[in-house]
N, C-alpha and C. Protein backbone atom coordinates (compact mmCIF):
# COMPACT_ATOMS: atom_id res chain seq x y z
N MET A 1 105.64 113.61 62.18
CA MET A 1 104.53 112.87 62.76
C MET A 1 105.03 111.91 63.83
N ALA A 2 106.11 111.17 63.51
CA ALA A 2 106.66 110.20 64.46
C ALA A 2 107.17 110.92 65.71
N LEU A 3 107.79 112.07 65.53
CA LEU A 3 108.28 112.84 66.67
C LEU A 3 107.13 113.27 67.57
N CYS A 4 106.05 113.67 66.94
CA CYS A 4 104.86 114.08 67.69
C CYS A 4 104.32 112.91 68.51
N LEU A 5 104.26 111.72 67.90
CA LEU A 5 103.79 110.53 68.62
C LEU A 5 104.72 110.18 69.78
N LEU A 6 106.02 110.31 69.55
CA LEU A 6 106.97 110.03 70.63
C LEU A 6 106.78 111.00 71.80
N LEU A 7 106.58 112.26 71.48
CA LEU A 7 106.37 113.25 72.54
C LEU A 7 105.09 112.98 73.31
N VAL A 8 104.03 112.61 72.59
CA VAL A 8 102.77 112.29 73.25
C VAL A 8 102.94 111.07 74.14
N ALA A 9 103.62 110.03 73.62
CA ALA A 9 103.85 108.82 74.41
C ALA A 9 104.68 109.13 75.65
N ARG A 10 105.71 109.94 75.47
CA ARG A 10 106.56 110.30 76.63
C ARG A 10 105.75 111.08 77.66
N PHE A 11 104.93 112.02 77.20
CA PHE A 11 104.09 112.77 78.12
C PHE A 11 103.11 111.85 78.83
N TRP A 12 102.51 110.93 78.08
CA TRP A 12 101.52 110.03 78.65
C TRP A 12 102.15 109.17 79.75
N TRP A 13 103.33 108.61 79.49
CA TRP A 13 103.97 107.73 80.47
C TRP A 13 104.55 108.53 81.64
N SER A 14 105.15 109.67 81.35
CA SER A 14 105.80 110.43 82.43
C SER A 14 105.00 111.65 82.84
N GLY A 15 103.80 111.79 82.31
CA GLY A 15 102.99 112.98 82.58
C GLY A 15 102.82 113.29 84.05
N PRO A 16 102.35 112.33 84.89
CA PRO A 16 102.17 112.67 86.29
C PRO A 16 103.46 113.09 86.97
N ALA A 17 104.57 112.43 86.63
CA ALA A 17 105.84 112.77 87.27
C ALA A 17 106.27 114.17 86.87
N ALA A 18 106.02 114.52 85.61
CA ALA A 18 106.44 115.83 85.14
C ALA A 18 105.66 116.94 85.83
N SER A 19 104.44 116.63 86.31
CA SER A 19 103.63 117.66 86.94
C SER A 19 103.93 117.81 88.43
N SER A 20 104.79 116.96 89.00
CA SER A 20 105.13 117.09 90.41
C SER A 20 105.99 118.32 90.62
N PRO A 21 105.70 119.10 91.65
CA PRO A 21 106.52 120.28 91.92
C PRO A 21 107.93 119.88 92.34
N ALA A 22 108.87 120.82 92.18
CA ALA A 22 110.26 120.53 92.51
C ALA A 22 110.44 120.25 93.99
N GLN A 23 109.71 120.96 94.85
CA GLN A 23 109.83 120.77 96.29
C GLN A 23 108.82 119.73 96.75
N PRO A 24 109.26 118.75 97.55
CA PRO A 24 108.32 117.76 98.06
C PRO A 24 107.30 118.43 98.99
N PRO A 25 106.10 117.90 99.03
CA PRO A 25 105.12 118.49 99.95
C PRO A 25 105.55 118.26 101.40
N ALA A 26 105.09 119.11 102.26
CA ALA A 26 105.38 118.96 103.69
C ALA A 26 104.51 117.85 104.26
N ALA A 27 104.99 117.22 105.31
CA ALA A 27 104.17 116.23 106.00
C ALA A 27 102.97 116.95 106.60
N GLY A 28 101.83 116.30 106.56
CA GLY A 28 100.62 116.91 107.11
C GLY A 28 99.42 116.68 106.22
N LEU A 29 98.37 117.45 106.45
CA LEU A 29 97.12 117.29 105.70
C LEU A 29 97.23 117.89 104.31
N HIS A 30 96.66 117.15 103.34
CA HIS A 30 96.67 117.60 101.95
C HIS A 30 95.33 117.28 101.31
N HIS A 31 94.93 118.13 100.37
CA HIS A 31 93.70 117.89 99.61
C HIS A 31 94.00 116.88 98.50
N VAL A 32 93.19 115.81 98.43
CA VAL A 32 93.35 114.80 97.39
C VAL A 32 92.54 115.25 96.18
N VAL A 33 93.22 115.48 95.07
CA VAL A 33 92.58 115.94 93.84
C VAL A 33 91.93 114.77 93.12
N ARG A 34 92.67 113.66 92.99
CA ARG A 34 92.11 112.47 92.35
C ARG A 34 92.94 111.24 92.68
N VAL A 35 92.33 110.09 92.43
CA VAL A 35 93.01 108.80 92.57
C VAL A 35 93.36 108.33 91.16
N VAL A 36 94.64 108.08 90.92
CA VAL A 36 95.09 107.61 89.62
C VAL A 36 94.83 106.12 89.50
N ASP A 37 95.27 105.38 90.50
CA ASP A 37 95.00 103.95 90.60
C ASP A 37 95.15 103.56 92.06
N GLY A 38 95.21 102.28 92.35
CA GLY A 38 95.22 101.85 93.75
C GLY A 38 96.36 102.39 94.59
N ASP A 39 97.54 102.59 93.99
CA ASP A 39 98.70 103.02 94.77
C ASP A 39 99.25 104.39 94.38
N THR A 40 98.49 105.16 93.61
CA THR A 40 98.95 106.48 93.18
C THR A 40 97.81 107.48 93.26
N ILE A 41 98.09 108.64 93.88
CA ILE A 41 97.09 109.70 94.00
C ILE A 41 97.70 111.03 93.58
N VAL A 42 96.84 111.99 93.34
CA VAL A 42 97.29 113.36 93.03
C VAL A 42 96.78 114.25 94.15
N ILE A 43 97.69 115.06 94.70
CA ILE A 43 97.31 116.01 95.74
C ILE A 43 97.50 117.43 95.22
N ALA A 44 96.79 118.37 95.82
CA ALA A 44 96.94 119.78 95.43
C ALA A 44 98.23 120.31 96.05
N PRO A 45 99.00 121.11 95.41
CA PRO A 45 98.86 121.56 94.02
C PRO A 45 99.64 120.65 93.08
N ASP A 46 98.96 119.81 92.38
CA ASP A 46 99.53 118.96 91.32
C ASP A 46 100.71 118.09 91.73
N GLY A 47 100.67 117.51 92.88
CA GLY A 47 101.72 116.60 93.30
C GLY A 47 101.26 115.16 93.17
N VAL A 48 102.06 114.34 92.51
CA VAL A 48 101.71 112.94 92.35
C VAL A 48 102.40 112.16 93.47
N VAL A 49 101.60 111.36 94.18
CA VAL A 49 102.09 110.62 95.33
C VAL A 49 101.94 109.13 95.07
N ARG A 50 103.01 108.40 95.28
CA ARG A 50 103.03 106.93 95.16
C ARG A 50 103.13 106.37 96.57
N LEU A 51 102.25 105.44 96.91
CA LEU A 51 102.26 104.84 98.24
C LEU A 51 103.52 104.00 98.45
N ILE A 52 104.14 104.16 99.59
CA ILE A 52 105.35 103.41 99.94
C ILE A 52 104.97 101.98 100.32
N GLY A 53 105.73 101.02 99.82
CA GLY A 53 105.66 99.64 100.31
C GLY A 53 104.54 98.77 99.79
N VAL A 54 103.73 99.27 98.86
CA VAL A 54 102.63 98.46 98.33
C VAL A 54 102.56 98.67 96.82
N ASP A 55 102.31 97.59 96.11
CA ASP A 55 102.14 97.66 94.66
C ASP A 55 100.80 97.03 94.33
N THR A 56 99.89 97.83 93.78
CA THR A 56 98.57 97.31 93.43
C THR A 56 98.55 96.91 91.95
N PRO A 57 97.63 96.05 91.57
CA PRO A 57 97.54 95.65 90.16
C PRO A 57 97.30 96.86 89.26
N GLU A 58 97.86 96.80 88.05
CA GLU A 58 97.82 97.92 87.10
C GLU A 58 96.43 98.15 86.53
N THR A 59 96.10 99.44 86.33
CA THR A 59 94.86 99.81 85.64
C THR A 59 95.07 100.90 84.60
N VAL A 60 96.12 101.69 84.72
CA VAL A 60 96.31 102.83 83.81
C VAL A 60 97.66 102.85 83.10
N LYS A 61 98.47 101.84 83.27
CA LYS A 61 99.79 101.82 82.64
C LYS A 61 99.63 101.68 81.13
N PRO A 62 100.23 102.59 80.35
CA PRO A 62 100.10 102.51 78.89
C PRO A 62 100.64 101.18 78.35
N ASP A 63 99.97 100.69 77.31
CA ASP A 63 100.35 99.43 76.65
C ASP A 63 100.40 98.26 77.61
N HIS A 64 99.55 98.28 78.61
CA HIS A 64 99.52 97.22 79.61
C HIS A 64 98.05 96.91 79.90
N ALA A 65 97.74 95.64 79.93
CA ALA A 65 96.35 95.24 80.20
C ALA A 65 95.97 95.59 81.64
N ILE A 66 94.69 95.81 81.85
CA ILE A 66 94.19 96.02 83.21
C ILE A 66 94.29 94.68 83.93
N GLU A 67 94.97 94.70 85.07
CA GLU A 67 95.20 93.46 85.81
C GLU A 67 94.03 93.15 86.75
N ARG A 68 93.88 91.87 87.01
CA ARG A 68 92.82 91.42 87.90
C ARG A 68 93.00 92.07 89.27
N PHE A 69 91.93 92.55 89.84
CA PHE A 69 91.85 93.24 91.12
C PHE A 69 92.39 94.67 91.07
N GLY A 70 92.83 95.14 89.89
CA GLY A 70 93.25 96.53 89.74
C GLY A 70 92.10 97.50 89.94
N PRO A 71 90.96 97.29 89.26
CA PRO A 71 89.83 98.21 89.47
C PRO A 71 89.33 98.20 90.92
N GLU A 72 89.38 97.04 91.57
CA GLU A 72 88.96 96.96 92.97
C GLU A 72 89.91 97.75 93.87
N ALA A 73 91.21 97.68 93.58
CA ALA A 73 92.19 98.44 94.37
C ALA A 73 91.97 99.94 94.18
N THR A 74 91.68 100.36 92.95
CA THR A 74 91.42 101.77 92.69
C THR A 74 90.17 102.23 93.42
N LEU A 75 89.11 101.44 93.36
CA LEU A 75 87.87 101.77 94.05
C LEU A 75 88.09 101.83 95.57
N PHE A 76 88.86 100.89 96.11
CA PHE A 76 89.18 100.88 97.54
C PHE A 76 89.86 102.20 97.93
N THR A 77 90.84 102.62 97.14
CA THR A 77 91.56 103.86 97.43
C THR A 77 90.63 105.06 97.31
N GLN A 78 89.77 105.07 96.29
CA GLN A 78 88.81 106.17 96.15
C GLN A 78 87.89 106.26 97.37
N GLN A 79 87.40 105.12 97.82
CA GLN A 79 86.50 105.12 98.98
C GLN A 79 87.25 105.51 100.25
N PHE A 80 88.47 105.03 100.40
CA PHE A 80 89.28 105.35 101.57
C PHE A 80 89.53 106.85 101.67
N LEU A 81 89.72 107.49 100.52
CA LEU A 81 90.04 108.91 100.47
C LEU A 81 88.83 109.77 100.12
N SER A 82 87.64 109.24 100.27
CA SER A 82 86.43 109.94 99.84
C SER A 82 86.19 111.25 100.59
N GLY A 83 86.80 111.42 101.74
CA GLY A 83 86.67 112.68 102.48
C GLY A 83 87.41 113.83 101.83
N GLY A 84 88.31 113.51 100.88
CA GLY A 84 89.02 114.55 100.15
C GLY A 84 90.29 115.05 100.79
N THR A 85 90.58 114.59 102.01
CA THR A 85 91.78 115.03 102.71
C THR A 85 92.52 113.81 103.26
N ALA A 86 93.84 113.85 103.17
CA ALA A 86 94.67 112.78 103.72
C ALA A 86 95.90 113.41 104.37
N ARG A 87 96.42 112.72 105.35
CA ARG A 87 97.66 113.16 106.00
C ARG A 87 98.80 112.35 105.40
N LEU A 88 99.82 113.04 104.93
CA LEU A 88 100.99 112.39 104.35
C LEU A 88 102.14 112.43 105.33
N THR A 89 102.82 111.31 105.44
CA THR A 89 104.09 111.26 106.16
C THR A 89 105.10 110.63 105.21
N PHE A 90 106.37 110.89 105.45
CA PHE A 90 107.41 110.48 104.51
C PHE A 90 108.47 109.65 105.21
N ASP A 91 109.34 109.04 104.41
CA ASP A 91 110.43 108.22 104.92
C ASP A 91 111.72 108.73 104.30
N ARG A 92 112.74 107.90 104.31
CA ARG A 92 114.06 108.32 103.81
C ARG A 92 114.02 108.75 102.36
N GLU A 93 113.50 107.91 101.49
CA GLU A 93 113.42 108.24 100.07
C GLU A 93 112.16 109.05 99.83
N ARG A 94 112.30 110.19 99.19
CA ARG A 94 111.15 111.06 98.94
C ARG A 94 110.60 110.95 97.54
N LEU A 95 111.42 110.49 96.58
CA LEU A 95 110.99 110.40 95.18
C LEU A 95 111.28 109.01 94.64
N ASP A 96 110.38 108.53 93.76
CA ASP A 96 110.68 107.28 93.06
C ASP A 96 111.36 107.61 91.73
N ARG A 97 111.67 106.61 90.95
CA ARG A 97 112.40 106.82 89.69
C ARG A 97 111.60 107.59 88.65
N PHE A 98 110.28 107.71 88.85
CA PHE A 98 109.43 108.47 87.92
C PHE A 98 109.17 109.89 88.41
N GLY A 99 109.78 110.26 89.54
CA GLY A 99 109.61 111.61 90.07
C GLY A 99 108.36 111.79 90.93
N ARG A 100 107.71 110.68 91.29
CA ARG A 100 106.52 110.78 92.16
C ARG A 100 106.99 110.81 93.61
N PHE A 101 106.24 111.51 94.44
CA PHE A 101 106.57 111.57 95.86
C PHE A 101 106.15 110.27 96.53
N LEU A 102 107.02 109.75 97.38
CA LEU A 102 106.74 108.50 98.11
C LEU A 102 106.23 108.86 99.49
N ALA A 103 105.08 108.30 99.86
CA ALA A 103 104.48 108.70 101.14
C ALA A 103 103.65 107.58 101.75
N TYR A 104 103.45 107.72 103.06
CA TYR A 104 102.44 106.95 103.78
C TYR A 104 101.21 107.85 103.78
N VAL A 105 100.06 107.29 103.46
CA VAL A 105 98.83 108.07 103.33
C VAL A 105 97.86 107.64 104.42
N TRP A 106 97.52 108.57 105.29
CA TRP A 106 96.69 108.31 106.46
C TRP A 106 95.35 109.04 106.35
N VAL A 107 94.31 108.39 106.85
CA VAL A 107 93.03 109.04 107.10
C VAL A 107 92.73 108.70 108.55
N GLU A 108 92.75 109.73 109.37
CA GLU A 108 92.68 109.58 110.82
C GLU A 108 93.79 108.65 111.26
N LYS A 109 93.48 107.51 111.89
CA LYS A 109 94.54 106.61 112.36
C LYS A 109 94.75 105.40 111.45
N ARG A 110 94.07 105.40 110.30
CA ARG A 110 94.18 104.28 109.37
C ARG A 110 95.17 104.62 108.25
N LEU A 111 96.01 103.66 107.95
CA LEU A 111 97.06 103.83 106.95
C LEU A 111 96.65 103.12 105.66
N LEU A 112 96.43 103.87 104.59
CA LEU A 112 95.98 103.32 103.32
C LEU A 112 96.94 102.25 102.81
N ASN A 113 98.23 102.49 102.86
CA ASN A 113 99.22 101.52 102.38
C ASN A 113 98.96 100.15 103.01
N GLU A 114 98.78 100.15 104.31
CA GLU A 114 98.57 98.91 105.07
C GLU A 114 97.20 98.29 104.79
N GLU A 115 96.18 99.13 104.69
CA GLU A 115 94.81 98.63 104.47
C GLU A 115 94.66 97.97 103.10
N LEU A 116 95.35 98.48 102.09
CA LEU A 116 95.33 97.83 100.78
C LEU A 116 95.90 96.42 100.86
N LEU A 117 96.98 96.27 101.59
CA LEU A 117 97.59 94.95 101.77
C LEU A 117 96.66 94.02 102.55
N ARG A 118 96.07 94.54 103.60
CA ARG A 118 95.17 93.74 104.44
C ARG A 118 93.93 93.27 103.66
N ALA A 119 93.49 94.09 102.70
CA ALA A 119 92.33 93.75 101.87
C ALA A 119 92.71 92.82 100.72
N GLY A 120 94.00 92.52 100.58
CA GLY A 120 94.44 91.65 99.50
C GLY A 120 94.44 92.34 98.14
N LEU A 121 94.58 93.65 98.14
CA LEU A 121 94.51 94.41 96.89
C LEU A 121 95.87 94.96 96.46
N GLY A 122 96.92 94.44 97.04
CA GLY A 122 98.26 94.86 96.67
C GLY A 122 99.28 93.87 97.22
N ARG A 123 100.50 94.01 96.73
CA ARG A 123 101.60 93.17 97.21
C ARG A 123 102.61 94.04 97.97
N PHE A 124 103.11 93.48 99.04
CA PHE A 124 104.12 94.13 99.88
C PHE A 124 105.42 94.24 99.10
N GLU A 125 106.05 95.42 99.15
CA GLU A 125 107.33 95.67 98.48
C GLU A 125 108.43 95.90 99.52
N PRO A 126 109.13 94.85 99.91
CA PRO A 126 110.16 95.00 100.95
C PRO A 126 111.50 95.48 100.42
N GLN A 127 111.70 95.50 99.11
CA GLN A 127 113.02 95.76 98.53
C GLN A 127 113.46 97.21 98.57
N PHE A 128 112.56 98.11 98.88
CA PHE A 128 112.92 99.53 98.88
C PHE A 128 113.38 99.98 100.27
N HIS A 129 114.02 101.16 100.32
CA HIS A 129 114.58 101.68 101.57
C HIS A 129 113.53 102.50 102.32
N TYR A 130 112.93 101.87 103.31
CA TYR A 130 112.02 102.58 104.20
C TYR A 130 112.00 101.85 105.53
N SER A 131 111.30 102.41 106.48
CA SER A 131 111.29 101.97 107.86
C SER A 131 111.07 100.46 108.05
N GLU A 132 111.92 99.85 108.85
CA GLU A 132 111.77 98.43 109.17
C GLU A 132 110.47 98.18 109.95
N LEU A 133 110.09 99.13 110.78
CA LEU A 133 108.83 99.02 111.51
C LEU A 133 107.65 98.93 110.53
N MET A 134 107.65 99.80 109.52
CA MET A 134 106.58 99.76 108.51
C MET A 134 106.65 98.48 107.70
N LYS A 135 107.84 98.01 107.39
CA LYS A 135 107.96 96.74 106.65
C LYS A 135 107.33 95.60 107.44
N ARG A 136 107.54 95.57 108.75
CA ARG A 136 106.92 94.52 109.58
C ARG A 136 105.39 94.65 109.56
N ARG A 137 104.89 95.88 109.68
CA ARG A 137 103.43 96.10 109.63
C ARG A 137 102.86 95.62 108.31
N PHE A 138 103.53 95.99 107.22
CA PHE A 138 103.04 95.64 105.89
C PHE A 138 103.10 94.13 105.67
N ARG A 139 104.19 93.51 106.13
CA ARG A 139 104.33 92.06 105.98
C ARG A 139 103.20 91.34 106.72
N ARG A 140 102.89 91.81 107.94
CA ARG A 140 101.78 91.22 108.73
C ARG A 140 100.44 91.40 108.02
N ALA A 141 100.20 92.58 107.50
CA ALA A 141 98.93 92.86 106.80
C ALA A 141 98.78 91.95 105.59
N GLN A 142 99.86 91.79 104.82
CA GLN A 142 99.79 90.90 103.65
C GLN A 142 99.55 89.46 104.08
N GLU A 143 100.19 89.05 105.15
CA GLU A 143 100.02 87.68 105.63
C GLU A 143 98.58 87.43 106.08
N GLU A 144 97.96 88.43 106.70
CA GLU A 144 96.55 88.31 107.09
C GLU A 144 95.67 88.08 105.85
N ALA A 145 95.92 88.85 104.81
CA ALA A 145 95.14 88.71 103.57
C ALA A 145 95.39 87.35 102.92
N ARG A 146 96.63 86.94 102.94
CA ARG A 146 96.99 85.65 102.34
C ARG A 146 96.30 84.50 103.06
N GLN A 147 96.32 84.55 104.39
CA GLN A 147 95.68 83.49 105.17
C GLN A 147 94.16 83.51 105.00
N ALA A 148 93.60 84.71 104.85
CA ALA A 148 92.15 84.83 104.66
C ALA A 148 91.76 84.56 103.20
N ARG A 149 92.76 84.45 102.32
CA ARG A 149 92.54 84.20 100.89
C ARG A 149 91.60 85.23 100.27
N VAL A 150 91.94 86.49 100.50
CA VAL A 150 91.13 87.58 99.94
C VAL A 150 91.89 88.27 98.81
N GLY A 151 91.14 88.88 97.91
CA GLY A 151 91.74 89.65 96.83
C GLY A 151 92.67 88.83 95.97
N ILE A 152 93.87 89.36 95.73
CA ILE A 152 94.82 88.66 94.86
C ILE A 152 95.22 87.30 95.41
N TRP A 153 95.08 87.12 96.68
CA TRP A 153 95.45 85.84 97.29
C TRP A 153 94.36 84.79 97.11
N SER A 154 93.15 85.20 96.74
CA SER A 154 92.11 84.22 96.45
C SER A 154 92.45 83.50 95.15
N GLU A 155 93.08 84.19 94.22
CA GLU A 155 93.52 83.56 92.97
C GLU A 155 94.54 82.48 93.26
N GLU A 156 95.47 82.78 94.16
CA GLU A 156 96.50 81.82 94.50
C GLU A 156 95.87 80.56 95.07
N SER A 157 94.88 80.74 95.93
CA SER A 157 94.23 79.57 96.52
C SER A 157 93.42 78.83 95.47
N GLU A 158 92.78 79.56 94.54
CA GLU A 158 92.03 78.90 93.47
C GLU A 158 92.98 78.10 92.59
N THR A 159 94.15 78.67 92.29
CA THR A 159 95.12 77.97 91.46
C THR A 159 95.58 76.70 92.16
N ARG A 160 95.89 76.83 93.46
CA ARG A 160 96.30 75.64 94.21
C ARG A 160 95.20 74.60 94.23
N ASN A 161 93.96 75.06 94.49
CA ASN A 161 92.83 74.12 94.56
C ASN A 161 92.58 73.47 93.22
N SER A 162 92.69 74.22 92.11
CA SER A 162 92.43 73.61 90.81
C SER A 162 93.51 72.60 90.47
N ARG A 163 94.78 72.90 90.85
CA ARG A 163 95.84 71.91 90.64
C ARG A 163 95.55 70.65 91.45
N SER A 164 95.10 70.84 92.69
CA SER A 164 94.79 69.71 93.55
C SER A 164 93.63 68.91 92.97
N ARG A 165 92.59 69.62 92.46
CA ARG A 165 91.45 68.91 91.85
C ARG A 165 91.89 68.12 90.63
N ARG A 166 92.75 68.73 89.78
CA ARG A 166 93.23 68.01 88.59
C ARG A 166 94.01 66.77 89.00
N ARG A 167 94.82 66.89 90.04
CA ARG A 167 95.59 65.75 90.52
C ARG A 167 94.66 64.66 91.03
N ASP A 168 93.60 65.05 91.77
CA ASP A 168 92.64 64.07 92.29
C ASP A 168 91.88 63.39 91.16
N VAL A 169 91.49 64.15 90.13
CA VAL A 169 90.78 63.56 88.99
C VAL A 169 91.69 62.58 88.27
N ALA A 170 92.94 62.97 88.05
CA ALA A 170 93.88 62.09 87.37
C ALA A 170 94.07 60.80 88.17
N LYS A 171 94.18 60.93 89.48
CA LYS A 171 94.34 59.76 90.34
C LYS A 171 93.11 58.88 90.27
N SER A 172 91.91 59.47 90.29
CA SER A 172 90.69 58.67 90.25
C SER A 172 90.55 57.97 88.90
N GLN A 173 91.06 58.61 87.83
CA GLN A 173 91.01 57.95 86.53
C GLN A 173 91.94 56.76 86.49
N LEU A 174 93.07 56.84 87.19
CA LEU A 174 93.98 55.70 87.25
C LEU A 174 93.37 54.56 88.07
N ASP A 175 92.57 54.91 89.08
CA ASP A 175 91.96 53.90 89.92
C ASP A 175 90.69 53.31 89.29
N PHE A 176 90.33 53.77 88.12
CA PHE A 176 89.10 53.34 87.46
C PHE A 176 89.21 51.86 87.12
N PRO A 177 88.25 51.05 87.56
CA PRO A 177 88.33 49.62 87.27
C PRO A 177 88.18 49.34 85.77
N LEU A 178 89.10 48.58 85.25
CA LEU A 178 89.08 48.27 83.82
C LEU A 178 87.88 47.43 83.42
N ASN A 179 87.32 46.62 84.35
CA ASN A 179 86.18 45.80 83.98
C ASN A 179 84.93 46.63 83.72
N ARG A 180 84.94 47.93 84.04
CA ARG A 180 83.81 48.79 83.75
C ARG A 180 84.01 49.56 82.45
N LEU A 181 85.12 49.34 81.82
CA LEU A 181 85.44 50.06 80.61
C LEU A 181 84.44 49.78 79.49
N TYR A 182 83.88 48.57 79.48
CA TYR A 182 82.96 48.19 78.40
C TYR A 182 81.78 49.15 78.28
N CYS A 183 81.30 49.68 79.39
CA CYS A 183 80.13 50.56 79.31
C CYS A 183 80.49 51.93 78.72
N LEU A 184 81.77 52.25 78.61
CA LEU A 184 82.19 53.53 78.05
C LEU A 184 82.49 53.44 76.55
N LEU A 185 82.62 52.21 76.04
CA LEU A 185 82.94 52.06 74.63
C LEU A 185 81.72 52.34 73.77
N PRO A 186 81.91 52.95 72.62
CA PRO A 186 80.76 53.19 71.74
C PRO A 186 80.22 51.88 71.20
N ARG A 187 78.94 51.83 70.97
CA ARG A 187 78.31 50.62 70.41
C ARG A 187 78.67 50.54 68.93
N PRO A 188 78.85 49.33 68.46
CA PRO A 188 79.11 49.21 67.02
C PRO A 188 77.88 49.61 66.23
N PRO A 189 78.07 50.13 65.03
CA PRO A 189 76.91 50.51 64.23
C PRO A 189 76.06 49.30 63.89
N ALA A 190 74.76 49.52 63.82
CA ALA A 190 73.85 48.41 63.48
C ALA A 190 74.09 47.98 62.05
N ALA A 191 74.01 46.68 61.84
CA ALA A 191 74.21 46.15 60.48
C ALA A 191 73.02 46.56 59.61
N LYS A 192 73.33 46.90 58.37
CA LYS A 192 72.26 47.32 57.45
C LYS A 192 71.61 46.06 56.87
N SER A 193 70.34 46.18 56.76
CA SER A 193 69.55 45.08 56.19
C SER A 193 69.77 45.04 54.71
N PRO A 194 69.96 43.82 54.11
CA PRO A 194 70.13 43.74 52.67
C PRO A 194 68.85 44.05 51.90
N LEU A 195 67.71 44.00 52.56
CA LEU A 195 66.44 44.31 51.90
C LEU A 195 66.22 45.79 51.85
N PRO A 196 65.65 46.28 50.73
CA PRO A 196 65.40 47.71 50.63
C PRO A 196 64.25 48.18 51.45
């Protein structure tokens, strides 16, 4: 029974990678079979593609909670690829550690990898080996989202603002005049009458 569970768990975690064909797909137009999440798609015939340079919040990772803005990133990718066809281009590294194909995903002249960053629905991943030109594009797109405080960057601004508000409240409490403290004290209980 335990062996069966281990095999199911291994298939579940590595399932998409295991279904990728041995030969990487050629650059060009491909039919999109489905969107797995914001940064992963499946193309015909059964190739799993991971977008280069962008990491979107998790929605399908086993034993992992759905992260904030993950469903929005998935929906964005679904809408972006709603025509059913995308053009794939590749860089130096063709496979990630899970066996998924690494690609830039285009619809006409728009690059999904970059648009996810611009919408604030993913984080730029500069640590991997791919084009410096693309890294600059992605960095700019993320910076635009950050400055506009959209998507995941709106949380950052909310966190900063709430810290600032807490600091302002604490400061205003310190500035509170002590001579007004009497109105905040509870009134003493009324004395009970000795008569019944």
